[in-house]
C-alpha atoms as a PDB file:
ATOM      1  CA  UNK A   1      69.970 143.851  69.392  1.00  0.00           C
ATOM      2  CA  UNK A   2      67.548 143.497  72.289  1.00  0.00           C
ATOM      3  CA  UNK A   3      67.378 139.740  71.646  1.00  0.00           C
ATOM      4  CA  UNK A   4      71.183 139.520  71.774  1.00  0.00           C
ATOM      5  CA  UNK A   5      71.232 141.454  75.080  1.00  0.00           C
ATOM      6  CA  UNK A   6      68.578 139.146  76.537  1.00  0.00           C
ATOM      7  CA  UNK A   7      70.573 136.142  75.378  1.00  0.00           C
ATOM      8  CA  UNK A   8      73.754 137.608  76.890  1.00  0.00           C
ATOM      9  CA  UNK A   9      72.016 138.294  80.208  1.00  0.00           C
ATOM     10  CA  UNK A  10      70.597 134.757  80.166  1.00  0.00           C
ATOM     11  CA  UNK A  11      74.082 133.295  79.524  1.00  0.00           C
ATOM     12  CA  UNK A  12      75.635 135.346  82.328  1.00  0.00           C
ATOM     13  CA  UNK A  13      72.824 134.301  84.670  1.00  0.00           C
ATOM     14  CA  UNK A  14      73.270 130.663  83.711  1.00  0.00           C
ATOM     15  CA  UNK A  15      77.037 130.852  84.268  1.00  0.00           C
ATOM     16  CA  UNK A  16      76.458 132.519  87.648  1.00  0.00           C
ATOM     17  CA  UNK A  17      74.087 129.746  88.708  1.00  0.00           C
ATOM     18  CA  UNK A  18      76.667 127.119  87.748  1.00  0.00           C
ATOM     19  CA  UNK A  19      79.406 128.940  89.667  1.00  0.00           C
ATOM     20  CA  UNK A  20      77.185 129.069  92.751  1.00  0.00           C
ATOM     21  CA  UNK A  21      76.333 125.377  92.410  1.00  0.00           C
ATOM     22  CA  UNK A  22      79.967 124.356  91.983  1.00  0.00           C
ATOM     23  CA  UNK A  23      81.060 126.493  94.946  1.00  0.00           C
ATOM     24  CA  UNK A  24      78.333 124.981  97.102  1.00  0.00           C
ATOM     25  CA  UNK A  25      79.382 121.487  96.038  1.00  0.00           C
ATOM     26  CA  UNK A  26      83.028 122.162  96.974  1.00  0.00           C
ATOM     27  CA  UNK A  27      81.992 123.424 100.416  1.00  0.00           C
ATOM     28  CA  UNK A  28      79.733 120.410 100.997  1.00  0.00           C
ATOM     29  CA  UNK A  29      82.472 117.982 100.008  1.00  0.00           C
ATOM     30  CA  UNK A  30      85.002 119.711 102.268  1.00  0.00           C
ATOM     31  CA  UNK A  31      82.666 119.732 105.273  1.00  0.00           C
ATOM     32  CA  UNK A  32      81.665 116.168 104.490  1.00  0.00           C
ATOM     33  CA  UNK A  33      85.286 115.070 104.611  1.00  0.00           C
ATOM     34  CA  UNK A  34      85.663 116.600 108.061  1.00  0.00           C
ATOM     35  CA  UNK A  35      82.468 114.974 109.343  1.00  0.00           C
ATOM     36  CA  UNK A  36      83.371 111.619 107.896  1.00  0.00           C
ATOM     37  CA  UNK A  37      86.714 111.860 109.600  1.00  0.00           C
ATOM     38  CA  UNK A  38      85.122 112.773 112.917  1.00  0.00           C
ATOM     39  CA  UNK A  39      82.811 109.750 112.739  1.00  0.00           C
ATOM     40  CA  UNK A  40      85.165 107.253 111.176  1.00  0.00           C
ATOM     41  CA  UNK A  41      86.737 104.816 113.638  1.00  0.00           C
ATOM     42  CA  UNK A  42      89.834 104.709 111.522  1.00  0.00           C
ATOM     43  CA  UNK A  43      90.324 108.344 112.398  1.00  0.00           C
ATOM     44  CA  UNK A  44      89.081 108.119 115.980  1.00  0.00           C
ATOM     45  CA  UNK A  45      89.353 106.126 118.981  1.00  0.00           C
ATOM     46  CA  UNK A  46      91.469 105.580 121.697  1.00  0.00           C
ATOM     47  CA  UNK A  47      94.992 104.612 120.619  1.00  0.00           C
ATOM     48  CA  UNK A  48      97.457 105.932 118.213  1.00  0.00           C
ATOM     49  CA  UNK A  49      95.298 108.129 116.090  1.00  0.00           C
ATOM     50  CA  UNK A  50      94.857 108.225 112.350  1.00  0.00           C
ATOM     51  CA  UNK A  51      94.941 111.698 110.877  1.00  0.00           C
ATOM     52  CA  UNK A  52      92.792 112.993 108.003  1.00  0.00           C
ATOM     53  CA  UNK A  53      92.227 116.651 107.019  1.00  0.00           C
ATOM     54  CA  UNK A  54      94.582 117.297 109.983  1.00  0.00           C
ATOM     55  CA  UNK A  55      91.933 116.456 112.610  1.00  0.00           C
ATOM     56  CA  UNK A  56      93.301 114.376 115.495  1.00  0.00           C
ATOM     57  CA  UNK A  57      90.737 112.647 117.746  1.00  0.00           C
ATOM     58  CA  UNK A  58      91.365 110.945 121.080  1.00  0.00           C
ATOM     59  CA  UNK A  59      89.505 109.716 124.177  1.00  0.00           C
ATOM     60  CA  UNK A  60      90.173 110.560 127.808  1.00  0.00           C
ATOM     61  CA  UNK A  61      88.969 109.566 131.269  1.00  0.00           C
ATOM     62  CA  UNK A  62      89.511 112.044 134.103  1.00  0.00           C
ATOM     63  CA  UNK A  63      89.546 111.087 137.781  1.00  0.00           C
ATOM     64  CA  UNK A  64      90.250 112.865 141.038  1.00  0.00           C
ATOM     65  CA  UNK A  65      93.219 111.650 143.052  1.00  0.00           C
ATOM     66  CA  UNK A  66      90.691 109.777 145.191  1.00  0.00           C
ATOM     67  CA  UNK A  67      89.598 107.835 142.091  1.00  0.00           C
ATOM     68  CA  UNK A  68      86.245 109.556 141.514  1.00  0.00           C
ATOM     69  CA  UNK A  69      85.235 110.158 137.900  1.00  0.00           C
ATOM     70  CA  UNK A  70      85.042 113.810 136.869  1.00  0.00           C
ATOM     71  CA  UNK A  71      82.019 113.457 134.628  1.00  0.00           C
ATOM     72  CA  UNK A  72      80.777 117.042 134.216  1.00  0.00           C
ATOM     73  CA  UNK A  73      83.714 118.623 132.432  1.00  0.00           C
ATOM     74  CA  UNK A  74      83.263 121.019 129.508  1.00  0.00           C
ATOM     75  CA  UNK A  75      85.298 121.587 126.369  1.00  0.00           C
ATOM     76  CA  UNK A  76      86.974 124.668 127.814  1.00  0.00           C
ATOM     77  CA  UNK A  77      88.170 122.623 130.809  1.00  0.00           C
ATOM     78  CA  UNK A  78      90.574 120.612 128.637  1.00  0.00           C
ATOM     79  CA  UNK A  79      94.010 121.406 127.274  1.00  0.00           C
ATOM     80  CA  UNK A  80      95.900 119.341 124.698  1.00  0.00           C
ATOM     81  CA  UNK A  81      99.584 119.495 123.857  1.00  0.00           C
ATOM     82  CA  UNK A  82     101.145 117.861 120.820  1.00  0.00           C
ATOM     83  CA  UNK A  83     104.911 117.485 121.030  1.00  0.00           C
ATOM     84  CA  UNK A  84     104.788 120.155 123.739  1.00  0.00           C
ATOM     85  CA  UNK A  85     102.787 122.701 121.703  1.00  0.00           C
ATOM     86  CA  UNK A  86      99.330 123.779 122.940  1.00  0.00           C
ATOM     87  CA  UNK A  87      96.385 122.944 120.659  1.00  0.00           C
ATOM     88  CA  UNK A  88      92.853 124.331 120.584  1.00  0.00           C
ATOM     89  CA  UNK A  89      90.153 121.757 121.388  1.00  0.00           C
ATOM     90  CA  UNK A  90      87.756 121.817 118.436  1.00  0.00           C
ATOM     91  CA  UNK A  91      85.788 118.592 118.938  1.00  0.00           C
ATOM     92  CA  UNK A  92      84.182 117.577 122.236  1.00  0.00           C
ATOM     93  CA  UNK A  93      81.637 114.912 123.186  1.00  0.00           C
ATOM     94  CA  UNK A  94      80.930 112.248 125.782  1.00  0.00           C
ATOM     95  CA  UNK A  95      79.505 108.765 125.108  1.00  0.00           C
ATOM     96  CA  UNK A  96      78.011 109.843 121.786  1.00  0.00           C
ATOM     97  CA  UNK A  97      79.987 107.580 119.467  1.00  0.00           C
ATOM     98  CA  UNK A  98      79.248 103.837 119.270  1.00  0.00           C
ATOM     99  CA  UNK A  99      81.724 101.524 120.996  1.00  0.00           C
ATOM    100  CA  UNK A 100      83.320  98.410 119.514  1.00  0.00           C
ATOM    101  CA  UNK A 101      84.403  96.063 122.302  1.00  0.00           C
ATOM    102  CA  UNK A 102      86.726  93.085 121.888  1.00  0.00           C
ATOM    103  CA  UNK A 103      86.354  90.751 124.872  1.00  0.00           C
ATOM    104  CA  UNK A 104      89.534  88.686 125.227  1.00  0.00           C
ATOM    105  CA  UNK A 105      88.743  85.698 127.451  1.00  0.00           C
ATOM    106  CA  UNK A 106      91.330  83.528 129.192  1.00  0.00           C
ATOM    107  CA  UNK A 107      90.395  79.823 128.827  1.00  0.00           C
ATOM    108  CA  UNK A 108      93.376  78.318 130.630  1.00  0.00           C
ATOM    109  CA  UNK A 109      92.912  75.717 133.395  1.00  0.00           C
ATOM    110  CA  UNK A 110      92.935  78.262 136.223  1.00  0.00           C
ATOM    111  CA  UNK A 111      89.853  80.069 134.881  1.00  0.00           C
ATOM    112  CA  UNK A 112      87.381  77.183 134.637  1.00  0.00           C
ATOM    113  CA  UNK A 113      85.587  77.816 137.990  1.00  0.00           C
ATOM    114  CA  UNK A 114      84.815  81.381 136.867  1.00  0.00           C
ATOM    115  CA  UNK A 115      83.210  80.704 133.480  1.00  0.00           C
ATOM    116  CA  UNK A 116      79.688  80.214 134.853  1.00  0.00           C
ATOM    117  CA  UNK A 117      79.673  83.362 137.005  1.00  0.00           C
ATOM    118  CA  UNK A 118      81.344  85.276 134.182  1.00  0.00           C
ATOM    119  CA  UNK A 119      78.591  84.274 131.740  1.00  0.00           C
ATOM    120  CA  UNK A 120      75.944  85.546 134.187  1.00  0.00           C
ATOM    121  CA  UNK A 121      77.854  88.783 134.782  1.00  0.00           C
ATOM    122  CA  UNK A 122      78.326  89.345 131.051  1.00  0.00           C
ATOM    123  CA  UNK A 123      74.613  88.857 130.361  1.00  0.00           C
ATOM    124  CA  UNK A 124      73.636  91.824 132.527  1.00  0.00           C
ATOM    125  CA  UNK A 125      76.758  93.928 132.070  1.00  0.00           C
ATOM    126  CA  UNK A 126      76.904  93.894 128.268  1.00  0.00           C
ATOM    127  CA  UNK A 127      73.190  94.729 128.148  1.00  0.00           C
ATOM    128  CA  UNK A 128      74.119  98.146 129.590  1.00  0.00           C
ATOM    129  CA  UNK A 129      75.860  99.050 126.325  1.00  0.00           C
ATOM    130  CA  UNK A 130      73.959 101.101 123.768  1.00  0.00           C
ATOM    131  CA  UNK A 131      71.995  99.264 121.026  1.00  0.00           C
ATOM    132  CA  UNK A 132      74.509 100.341 118.356  1.00  0.00           C
ATOM    133  CA  UNK A 133      77.518  99.220 120.386  1.00  0.00           C
ATOM    134  CA  UNK A 134      79.094  95.979 119.175  1.00  0.00           C
ATOM    135  CA  UNK A 135      81.001  93.203 120.929  1.00  0.00           C
ATOM    136  CA  UNK A 136      83.391  90.574 119.552  1.00  0.00           C
ATOM    137  CA  UNK A 137      84.689  87.605 121.547  1.00  0.00           C
ATOM    138  CA  UNK A 138      88.233  86.252 121.489  1.00  0.00           C
ATOM    139  CA  UNK A 139      89.469  83.291 123.501  1.00  0.00           C
ATOM    140  CA  UNK A 140      92.954  82.131 124.314  1.00  0.00           C
ATOM    141  CA  UNK A 141      94.767  79.379 126.152  1.00  0.00           C
ATOM    142  CA  UNK A 142      97.738  77.951 124.279  1.00  0.00           C
ATOM    143  CA  UNK A 143      96.459  79.644 121.099  1.00  0.00           C
ATOM    144  CA  UNK A 144      94.348  82.762 120.546  1.00  0.00           C
ATOM    145  CA  UNK A 145      91.376  82.870 118.193  1.00  0.00           C
ATOM    146  CA  UNK A 146      88.246  84.796 117.245  1.00  0.00           C
ATOM    147  CA  UNK A 147      85.207  83.024 118.689  1.00  0.00           C
ATOM    148  CA  UNK A 148      82.513  85.522 117.633  1.00  0.00           C
ATOM    149  CA  UNK A 149      82.846  88.529 115.282  1.00  0.00           C
ATOM    150  CA  UNK A 150      81.484  91.962 116.154  1.00  0.00           C
ATOM    151  CA  UNK A 151      77.752  91.827 116.800  1.00  0.00           C
ATOM    152  CA  UNK A 152      75.057  93.974 118.391  1.00  0.00           C
ATOM    153  CA  UNK A 153      73.572  90.819 119.934  1.00  0.00           C
ATOM    154  CA  UNK A 154      75.217  91.016 123.359  1.00  0.00           C
ATOM    155  CA  UNK A 155      73.234  88.066 124.766  1.00  0.00           C
ATOM    156  CA  UNK A 156      74.798  85.844 122.096  1.00  0.00           C
ATOM    157  CA  UNK A 157      78.246  86.731 123.424  1.00  0.00           C
ATOM    158  CA  UNK A 158      77.225  85.962 127.014  1.00  0.00           C
ATOM    159  CA  UNK A 159      75.841  82.559 126.024  1.00  0.00           C
ATOM    160  CA  UNK A 160      79.043  81.661 124.223  1.00  0.00           C
ATOM    161  CA  UNK A 161      81.072  82.383 127.340  1.00  0.00           C
ATOM    162  CA  UNK A 162      79.115  79.736 129.225  1.00  0.00           C
ATOM    163  CA  UNK A 163      79.672  77.114 126.529  1.00  0.00           C
ATOM    164  CA  UNK A 164      83.481  76.970 126.670  1.00  0.00           C
ATOM    165  CA  UNK A 165      85.675  74.380 128.330  1.00  0.00           C
ATOM    166  CA  UNK A 166      88.888  75.572 129.937  1.00  0.00           C
ATOM    167  CA  UNK A 167      92.280  73.947 129.467  1.00  0.00           C
ATOM    168  CA  UNK A 168      95.797  74.619 128.241  1.00  0.00           C
ATOM    169  CA  UNK A 169      98.445  77.286 128.767  1.00  0.00           C
ATOM    170  CA  UNK A 170      97.910  81.043 129.250  1.00  0.00           C
ATOM    171  CA  UNK A 171      99.013  82.925 126.136  1.00  0.00           C
ATOM    172  CA  UNK A 172      97.918  86.461 127.042  1.00  0.00           C
ATOM    173  CA  UNK A 173     100.359  88.013 124.567  1.00  0.00           C
ATOM    174  CA  UNK A 174      98.660  86.611 121.503  1.00  0.00           C
ATOM    175  CA  UNK A 175      95.194  87.141 122.991  1.00  0.00           C
ATOM    176  CA  UNK A 176      95.614  90.916 123.096  1.00  0.00           C
ATOM    177  CA  UNK A 177      97.551  91.107 119.837  1.00  0.00           C
ATOM    178  CA  UNK A 178      94.993  89.125 117.809  1.00  0.00           C
ATOM    179  CA  UNK A 179      92.146  91.284 119.146  1.00  0.00           C
ATOM    180  CA  UNK A 180      94.005  94.501 118.275  1.00  0.00           C
ATOM    181  CA  UNK A 181      94.765  93.176 114.807  1.00  0.00           C
ATOM    182  CA  UNK A 182      91.079  92.367 114.293  1.00  0.00           C
ATOM    183  CA  UNK A 183      89.857  95.800 115.433  1.00  0.00           C
ATOM    184  CA  UNK A 184      92.397  97.481 113.186  1.00  0.00           C
ATOM    185  CA  UNK A 185      90.994  95.709 110.134  1.00  0.00           C
ATOM    186  CA  UNK A 186      87.311  95.222 110.940  1.00  0.00           C
ATOM    187  CA  UNK A 187      85.888  97.695 113.459  1.00  0.00           C
ATOM    188  CA  UNK A 188      83.242 100.053 112.007  1.00  0.00           C
ATOM    189  CA  UNK A 189      82.473 103.621 113.071  1.00  0.00           C
ATOM    190  CA  UNK A 190      83.076 104.477 116.697  1.00  0.00           C
ATOM    191  CA  UNK A 191      85.540 103.931 119.513  1.00  0.00           C
ATOM    192  CA  UNK A 192      87.520 100.746 120.066  1.00  0.00           C
ATOM    193  CA  UNK A 193      88.127  98.982 123.361  1.00  0.00           C
ATOM    194  CA  UNK A 194      89.822  95.708 124.299  1.00  0.00           C
ATOM    195  CA  UNK A 195      88.756  94.056 127.573  1.00  0.00           C
ATOM    196  CA  UNK A 196      91.155  91.368 128.768  1.00  0.00           C
ATOM    197  CA  UNK A 197      89.474  88.916 131.165  1.00  0.00           C
ATOM    198  CA  UNK A 198      92.195  86.878 132.850  1.00  0.00           C
ATOM    199  CA  UNK A 199      93.987  86.118 136.100  1.00  0.00           C
ATOM    200  CA  UNK A 200      97.031  87.670 134.360  1.00  0.00           C
ATOM    201  CA  UNK A 201      99.273  84.701 135.155  1.00  0.00           C
ATOM    202  CA  UNK A 202     100.891  84.036 131.794  1.00  0.00           C
ATOM    203  CA  UNK A 203     102.547  80.705 131.067  1.00  0.00           C
ATOM    204  CA  UNK A 204     103.255  81.209 127.346  1.00  0.00           C
ATOM    205  CA  UNK A 205     104.855  84.314 125.810  1.00  0.00           C
ATOM    206  CA  UNK A 206     103.364  83.622 122.379  1.00  0.00           C
ATOM    207  CA  UNK A 207     104.746  85.284 119.280  1.00  0.00           C
ATOM    208  CA  UNK A 208     104.494  88.970 120.260  1.00  0.00           C
ATOM    209  CA  UNK A 209     106.240  90.949 122.985  1.00  0.00           C
ATOM    210  CA  UNK A 210     104.988  93.941 124.958  1.00  0.00           C
ATOM    211  CA  UNK A 211     106.379  96.488 122.510  1.00  0.00           C
ATOM    212  CA  UNK A 212     104.700  94.794 119.526  1.00  0.00           C
ATOM    213  CA  UNK A 213     101.426  94.541 121.432  1.00  0.00           C
ATOM    214  CA  UNK A 214     101.487  98.224 122.369  1.00  0.00           C
ATOM    215  CA  UNK A 215     102.288  99.194 118.776  1.00  0.00           C
ATOM    216  CA  UNK A 216      99.468  97.080 117.326  1.00  0.00           C
ATOM    217  CA  UNK A 217      96.974  98.291 119.911  1.00  0.00           C
ATOM    218  CA  UNK A 218      97.922 101.903 119.230  1.00  0.00           C
ATOM    219  CA  UNK A 219      97.531 101.274 115.497  1.00  0.00           C
ATOM    220  CA  UNK A 220      94.031  99.919 116.196  1.00  0.00           C
ATOM    221  CA  UNK A 221      93.069 103.072 118.122  1.00  0.00           C
ATOM    222  CA  UNK A 222      92.073 100.827 121.030  1.00  0.00           C
ATOM    223  CA  UNK A 223      92.259 101.303 124.791  1.00  0.00           C
ATOM    224  CA  UNK A 224      93.061  98.127 126.762  1.00  0.00           C
ATOM    225  CA  UNK A 225      91.116  97.416 129.959  1.00  0.00           C
ATOM    226  CA  UNK A 226      91.806  94.435 132.186  1.00  0.00           C
ATOM    227  CA  UNK A 227      89.164  92.611 134.241  1.00  0.00           C
ATOM    228  CA  UNK A 228      91.574  90.742 136.482  1.00  0.00           C
ATOM    229  CA  UNK A 229      89.924  87.744 138.105  1.00  0.00           C
ATOM    230  CA  UNK A 230      91.368  85.558 140.891  1.00  0.00           C
ATOM    231  CA  UNK A 231      92.283  82.364 139.064  1.00  0.00           C
ATOM    232  CA  UNK A 232      93.250  79.172 140.868  1.00  0.00           C
ATOM    233  CA  UNK A 233      97.014  78.950 140.477  1.00  0.00           C
ATOM    234  CA  UNK A 234      99.178  76.764 142.739  1.00  0.00           C
ATOM    235  CA  UNK A 235     102.510  78.215 143.953  1.00  0.00           C
ATOM    236  CA  UNK A 236     104.389  76.121 141.411  1.00  0.00           C
ATOM    237  CA  UNK A 237     102.487  77.800 138.541  1.00  0.00           C
ATOM    238  CA  UNK A 238     103.082  81.272 139.940  1.00  0.00           C
ATOM    239  CA  UNK A 239     106.798  80.553 140.290  1.00  0.00           C
ATOM    240  CA  UNK A 240     107.051  79.124 136.782  1.00  0.00           C
ATOM    241  CA  UNK A 241     105.243  82.181 135.380  1.00  0.00           C
ATOM    242  CA  UNK A 242     107.696  84.546 137.070  1.00  0.00           C
ATOM    243  CA  UNK A 243     110.574  82.808 135.279  1.00  0.00           C
ATOM    244  CA  UNK A 244     109.169  83.001 131.723  1.00  0.00           C
ATOM    245  CA  UNK A 245     110.805  85.747 129.608  1.00  0.00           C
ATOM    246  CA  UNK A 246     108.747  87.902 127.248  1.00  0.00           C
ATOM    247  CA  UNK A 247     105.384  87.776 129.007  1.00  0.00           C
ATOM    248  CA  UNK A 248     103.307  90.867 128.256  1.00  0.00           C
ATOM    249  CA  UNK A 249     103.419  93.733 130.731  1.00  0.00           C
ATOM    250  CA  UNK A 250      99.682  94.306 131.049  1.00  0.00           C
ATOM    251  CA  UNK A 251     100.078  97.417 133.188  1.00  0.00           C
ATOM    252  CA  UNK A 252     102.258  99.058 130.549  1.00  0.00           C
ATOM    253  CA  UNK A 253      99.812  98.197 127.749  1.00  0.00           C
ATOM    254  CA  UNK A 254      96.891  99.647 129.723  1.00  0.00           C
ATOM    255  CA  UNK A 255      98.807 102.803 130.660  1.00  0.00           C
ATOM    256  CA  UNK A 256     100.079 103.559 127.159  1.00  0.00           C
ATOM    257  CA  UNK A 257      96.676 103.031 125.524  1.00  0.00           C
ATOM    258  CA  UNK A 258      94.695 104.977 128.138  1.00  0.00           C
ATOM    259  CA  UNK A 259      92.998 101.951 129.709  1.00  0.00           C
ATOM    260  CA  UNK A 260      92.793 100.640 133.272  1.00  0.00           C
ATOM    261  CA  UNK A 261      93.015  97.478 135.361  1.00  0.00           C
ATOM    262  CA  UNK A 262      89.931  96.463 137.373  1.00  0.00           C
ATOM    263  CA  UNK A 263      90.823  93.941 140.072  1.00  0.00           C
ATOM    264  CA  UNK A 264      88.199  91.372 141.113  1.00  0.00           C
ATOM    265  CA  UNK A 265      89.046  90.216 144.641  1.00  0.00           C
ATOM    266  CA  UNK A 266      86.487  87.402 144.866  1.00  0.00           C
ATOM    267  CA  UNK A 267      83.880  85.735 142.651  1.00  0.00           C
ATOM    268  CA  UNK A 268      81.001  87.488 144.425  1.00  0.00           C
ATOM    269  CA  UNK A 269      82.387  90.846 143.261  1.00  0.00           C
ATOM    270  CA  UNK A 270      82.651  89.844 139.582  1.00  0.00           C
ATOM    271  CA  UNK A 271      79.387  91.376 138.384  1.00  0.00           C
ATOM    272  CA  UNK A 272      79.851  94.646 140.266  1.00  0.00           C
ATOM    273  CA  UNK A 273      83.412  95.166 139.044  1.00  0.00           C
ATOM    274  CA  UNK A 274      82.489  94.238 135.460  1.00  0.00           C
ATOM    275  CA  UNK A 275      79.666  96.791 135.523  1.00  0.00           C
ATOM    276  CA  UNK A 276      82.046  99.443 136.850  1.00  0.00           C
ATOM    277  CA  UNK A 277      84.447  98.714 133.982  1.00  0.00           C
ATOM    278  CA  UNK A 278      81.719  99.067 131.347  1.00  0.00           C
ATOM    279  CA  UNK A 279      80.505 102.285 132.954  1.00  0.00           C
ATOM    280  CA  UNK A 280      84.044 103.652 132.867  1.00  0.00           C
ATOM    281  CA  UNK A 281      84.262 102.955 129.149  1.00  0.00           C
ATOM    282  CA  UNK A 282      81.000 104.802 128.583  1.00  0.00           C
ATOM    283  CA  UNK A 283      82.094 107.904 130.478  1.00  0.00           C
ATOM    284  CA  UNK A 284      85.166 108.737 128.414  1.00  0.00           C
ATOM    285  CA  UNK A 285      85.418 112.137 126.759  1.00  0.00           C
ATOM    286  CA  UNK A 286      86.138 112.403 123.041  1.00  0.00           C
ATOM    287  CA  UNK A 287      88.383 115.334 122.126  1.00  0.00           C
ATOM    288  CA  UNK A 288      89.686 116.575 118.793  1.00  0.00           C
ATOM    289  CA  UNK A 289      92.065 119.239 117.507  1.00  0.00           C
ATOM    290  CA  UNK A 290      93.666 120.258 114.246  1.00  0.00           C
ATOM    291  CA  UNK A 291      97.351 119.541 113.840  1.00  0.00           C
ATOM    292  CA  UNK A 292      99.915 121.276 111.697  1.00  0.00           C
ATOM    293  CA  UNK A 293     102.276 118.307 111.985  1.00  0.00           C
ATOM    294  CA  UNK A 294     103.281 116.719 108.699  1.00  0.00           C
ATOM    295  CA  UNK A 295     105.794 114.134 109.806  1.00  0.00           C
ATOM    296  CA  UNK A 296     106.685 111.025 107.895  1.00  0.00           C
ATOM    297  CA  UNK A 297     104.358 108.068 108.004  1.00  0.00           C
ATOM    298  CA  UNK A 298     104.910 106.085 111.179  1.00  0.00           C
ATOM    299  CA  UNK A 299     106.615 108.925 113.059  1.00  0.00           C
ATOM    300  CA  UNK A 300     105.139 109.171 116.582  1.00  0.00           C
ATOM    301  CA  UNK A 301     103.869 112.448 117.986  1.00  0.00           C
ATOM    302  CA  UNK A 302     103.571 112.822 121.753  1.00  0.00           C
ATOM    303  CA  UNK A 303     100.225 113.758 123.288  1.00  0.00           C
ATOM    304  CA  UNK A 304      99.513 115.311 126.660  1.00  0.00           C
ATOM    305  CA  UNK A 305      95.914 115.838 127.779  1.00  0.00           C
ATOM    306  CA  UNK A 306      95.321 117.854 130.928  1.00  0.00           C
ATOM    307  CA  UNK A 307      92.804 120.193 132.550  1.00  0.00           C
ATOM    308  CA  UNK A 308      92.958 123.970 132.831  1.00  0.00           C
ATOM    309  CA  UNK A 309      95.241 125.347 135.546  1.00  0.00           C
ATOM    310  CA  UNK A 310      92.242 126.124 137.782  1.00  0.00           C
ATOM    311  CA  UNK A 311      91.873 122.370 138.401  1.00  0.00           C
ATOM    312  CA  UNK A 312      95.355 122.131 139.864  1.00  0.00           C
ATOM    313  CA  UNK A 313      98.260 119.994 138.727  1.00  0.00           C
ATOM    314  CA  UNK A 314      97.960 116.844 136.628  1.00  0.00           C
ATOM    315  CA  UNK A 315      99.111 113.828 138.603  1.00  0.00           C
ATOM    316  CA  UNK A 316      98.823 115.646 141.919  1.00  0.00           C
ATOM    317  CA  UNK A 317      95.217 116.901 141.910  1.00  0.00           C
ATOM    318  CA  UNK A 318      93.698 114.744 139.168  1.00  0.00           C
ATOM    319  CA  UNK A 319      94.558 111.904 136.768  1.00  0.00           C
ATOM    320  CA  UNK A 320      93.955 111.771 133.011  1.00  0.00           C
ATOM    321  CA  UNK A 321      93.830 108.404 131.255  1.00  0.00           C
ATOM    322  CA  UNK A 322      94.438 108.902 127.551  1.00  0.00           C
ATOM    323  CA  UNK A 323      96.695 107.953 124.674  1.00  0.00           C
ATOM    324  CA  UNK A 324     100.277 109.046 124.979  1.00  0.00           C
ATOM    325  CA  UNK A 325     100.974 109.307 121.240  1.00  0.00           C
ATOM    326  CA  UNK A 326      99.663 109.125 117.678  1.00  0.00           C
ATOM    327  CA  UNK A 327     101.212 108.803 114.260  1.00  0.00           C
ATOM    328  CA  UNK A 328     100.307 109.419 110.642  1.00  0.00           C
ATOM    329  CA  UNK A 329      99.153 106.500 108.524  1.00  0.00           C
END
């Protein structure tokens, strides 16, 4: 009888240990799913945002009305609204996730005098990125193509820039679209950024319009920044460009993806402005909240990121650069 009791107690103890182990495993898997989501670029970034375990992640830059970066904000300083409803900020960080940068370089005729200075500027500027940050290089003139896939070797990208020959039309539309398409399919963990380097004088509307470009960039969770350089364009080229229908609205793409336009007034300013752009990318806040939305795949949800009321009014006292929407995938 005593042996049977001992055996029974041993069986109950064994079952209890298994229950504890299974419960612990379930908790670990659940937490792991949340952490994977928080670190997975397909669920993060800076565009339309992929949603997993209901965690929505987005990036934001905050500036004063005078244009100064507000770089010392805390989690409690932020407010997020989804479709007008307030959400609690659960995830908060700054420059902790790796960045995947797609440089999109204009190789049309008007850019040729800037390739040498741009190579030198890129060599020092890209070196300011973190070791785990990666850069890919796209080029476009009449056609757009991938010239170097994502790599941590930033000096390799700078050298390639100096090896190109300029010539052909200016197909900015396809340049941005191809880069967004690539980041959507290939970017690893971290945030995603597209940097368009061009004089922004398009002469070829390519195969994608502004709406398609915005949609693809949002799908890639990428913010579009523009390093606008002063290309050499005669009045006839400027006039012809103004008459071409379907050219991408770069300002709209930057605004809707949470990016910015950095204007280079003269060649001597190229390095300084490029460095300022990279620094801006590095000083973006990453925010996350849990959503109760369960809309159909592809249905957009509006986002509004702002500061607490003590900071004043958004648009009047400060500016927030962030995504304007996300959707389920």
